[in-house]
C-alpha atoms as a PDB file:
ATOM      1  CA  MET A   1     100.225 136.453 142.492  1.00  0.00           C
ATOM      2  CA  ALA A   2     101.372 140.171 143.575  1.00  0.00           C
ATOM      3  CA  THR A   3     103.606 141.646 145.891  1.00  0.00           C
ATOM      4  CA  VAL A   4     102.137 143.876 147.792  1.00  0.00           C
ATOM      5  CA  THR A   5     103.630 147.640 150.239  1.00  0.00           C
ATOM      6  CA  SER A   6     102.867 149.436 152.265  1.00  0.00           C
ATOM      7  CA  GLY A   7      99.074 150.719 152.985  1.00  0.00           C
ATOM      8  CA  TYR A   8      98.396 147.686 149.733  1.00  0.00           C
ATOM      9  CA  MET A   9      94.868 146.722 151.256  1.00  0.00           C
ATOM     10  CA  LEU A  10      93.708 143.125 149.715  1.00  0.00           C
ATOM     11  CA  GLY A  11      90.006 140.940 150.016  1.00  0.00           C
ATOM     12  CA  HIS A  12      88.504 144.419 149.968  1.00  0.00           C
ATOM     13  CA  GLU A  13      86.241 143.844 147.358  1.00  0.00           C
ATOM     14  CA  ASP A  14      84.384 140.389 148.834  1.00  0.00           C
ATOM     15  CA  VAL A  15      83.740 142.374 152.400  1.00  0.00           C
ATOM     16  CA  ILE A  16      81.505 144.219 149.557  1.00  0.00           C
ATOM     17  CA  LYS A  17      80.338 142.059 147.675  1.00  0.00           C
ATOM     18  CA  ASN A  18      79.157 139.900 150.778  1.00  0.00           C
ATOM     19  CA  ARG A  19      81.113 136.331 149.523  1.00  0.00           C
ATOM     20  CA  ASN A  20      83.543 134.453 151.159  1.00  0.00           C
ATOM     21  CA  TYR A  21      87.136 135.613 150.847  1.00  0.00           C
ATOM     22  CA  THR A  22      89.081 135.202 147.648  1.00  0.00           C
ATOM     23  CA  THR A  23      91.810 136.391 148.650  1.00  0.00           C
ATOM     24  CA  SER A  24      95.063 134.653 150.744  1.00  0.00           C
ATOM     25  CA  VAL A  25      97.450 136.015 151.972  1.00  0.00           C
ATOM     26  CA  VAL A  26     101.598 134.946 152.326  1.00  0.00           C
ATOM     27  CA  CYS A  27     103.990 136.300 154.159  1.00  0.00           C
ATOM     28  CA  LEU A  28     107.504 136.116 152.291  1.00  0.00           C
ATOM     29  CA  SER A  29     109.584 138.694 154.805  1.00  0.00           C
ATOM     30  CA  LYS A  30     110.177 137.520 158.647  1.00  0.00           C
ATOM     31  CA  SER A  31     109.400 142.211 159.312  1.00  0.00           C
ATOM     32  CA  SER A  32     106.604 142.260 157.832  1.00  0.00           C
ATOM     33  CA  LYS A  33     103.053 142.723 159.388  1.00  0.00           C
ATOM     34  CA  LEU A  34      98.953 142.668 158.254  1.00  0.00           C
ATOM     35  CA  TYR A  35      96.401 143.778 159.873  1.00  0.00           C
ATOM     36  CA  SER A  36      92.957 142.273 159.512  1.00  0.00           C
ATOM     37  CA  ILE A  37      90.310 144.102 160.407  1.00  0.00           C
ATOM     38  CA  GLU A  38      86.134 142.699 161.129  1.00  0.00           C
ATOM     39  CA  LYS A  39      84.446 143.423 157.884  1.00  0.00           C
ATOM     40  CA  ASP A  40      81.661 145.654 160.322  1.00  0.00           C
ATOM     41  CA  GLU A  41      84.145 147.560 161.509  1.00  0.00           C
ATOM     42  CA  PHE A  42      85.676 147.816 158.241  1.00  0.00           C
ATOM     43  CA  ILE A  43      83.263 149.251 156.990  1.00  0.00           C
ATOM     44  CA  VAL A  44      81.515 151.404 159.011  1.00  0.00           C
ATOM     45  CA  ARG A  45      84.954 153.531 159.703  1.00  0.00           C
ATOM     46  CA  MET A  46      86.037 152.899 155.808  1.00  0.00           C
ATOM     47  CA  LYS A  47      82.679 154.533 155.510  1.00  0.00           C
ATOM     48  CA  ARG A  48      83.656 157.374 157.719  1.00  0.00           C
ATOM     49  CA  ASN A  49      84.407 158.937 154.922  1.00  0.00           C
ATOM     50  CA  ALA A  50      82.613 159.544 151.458  1.00  0.00           C
ATOM     51  CA  ASN A  51      85.196 159.705 149.788  1.00  0.00           C
ATOM     52  CA  THR A  52      87.914 156.669 150.603  1.00  0.00           C
ATOM     53  CA  TRP A  53      83.983 154.849 150.751  1.00  0.00           C
ATOM     54  CA  GLU A  54      83.889 155.680 147.555  1.00  0.00           C
ATOM     55  CA  GLU A  55      86.609 154.543 146.032  1.00  0.00           C
ATOM     56  CA  ILE A  56      85.995 151.268 147.653  1.00  0.00           C
ATOM     57  CA  ILE A  57      83.332 150.620 145.579  1.00  0.00           C
ATOM     58  CA  GLU A  58      84.931 151.544 142.709  1.00  0.00           C
ATOM     59  CA  SER A  59      88.400 149.517 143.295  1.00  0.00           C
ATOM     60  CA  SER A  60      85.438 146.692 143.674  1.00  0.00           C
ATOM     61  CA  GLN A  61      83.853 146.347 140.282  1.00  0.00           C
ATOM     62  CA  ILE A  62      87.239 147.877 138.777  1.00  0.00           C
ATOM     63  CA  LYS A  63      88.806 144.204 140.162  1.00  0.00           C
ATOM     64  CA  ASP A  64      85.976 142.170 139.120  1.00  0.00           C
END
C-alpha cells in the first residue's frame, strides 16, 4: 500500500507490459480527484515526448 500525492502516476507498468491490471485504488478523502485514461490514448500522449516516454519505460522496469 502507498499514499500518493498530486501528480503521481500509477498503473502504467501494466500498460507498458501489456498485462492485466495489478493496481487498485482506494480514496481516503472526500476532496480527492482521480483521473483515468484509456490505454491507447495514454501511450499516444506519452510518446509525444521522447524523454517522458523513456522515463515511463525506465520506471516500469524498476518497479517490476
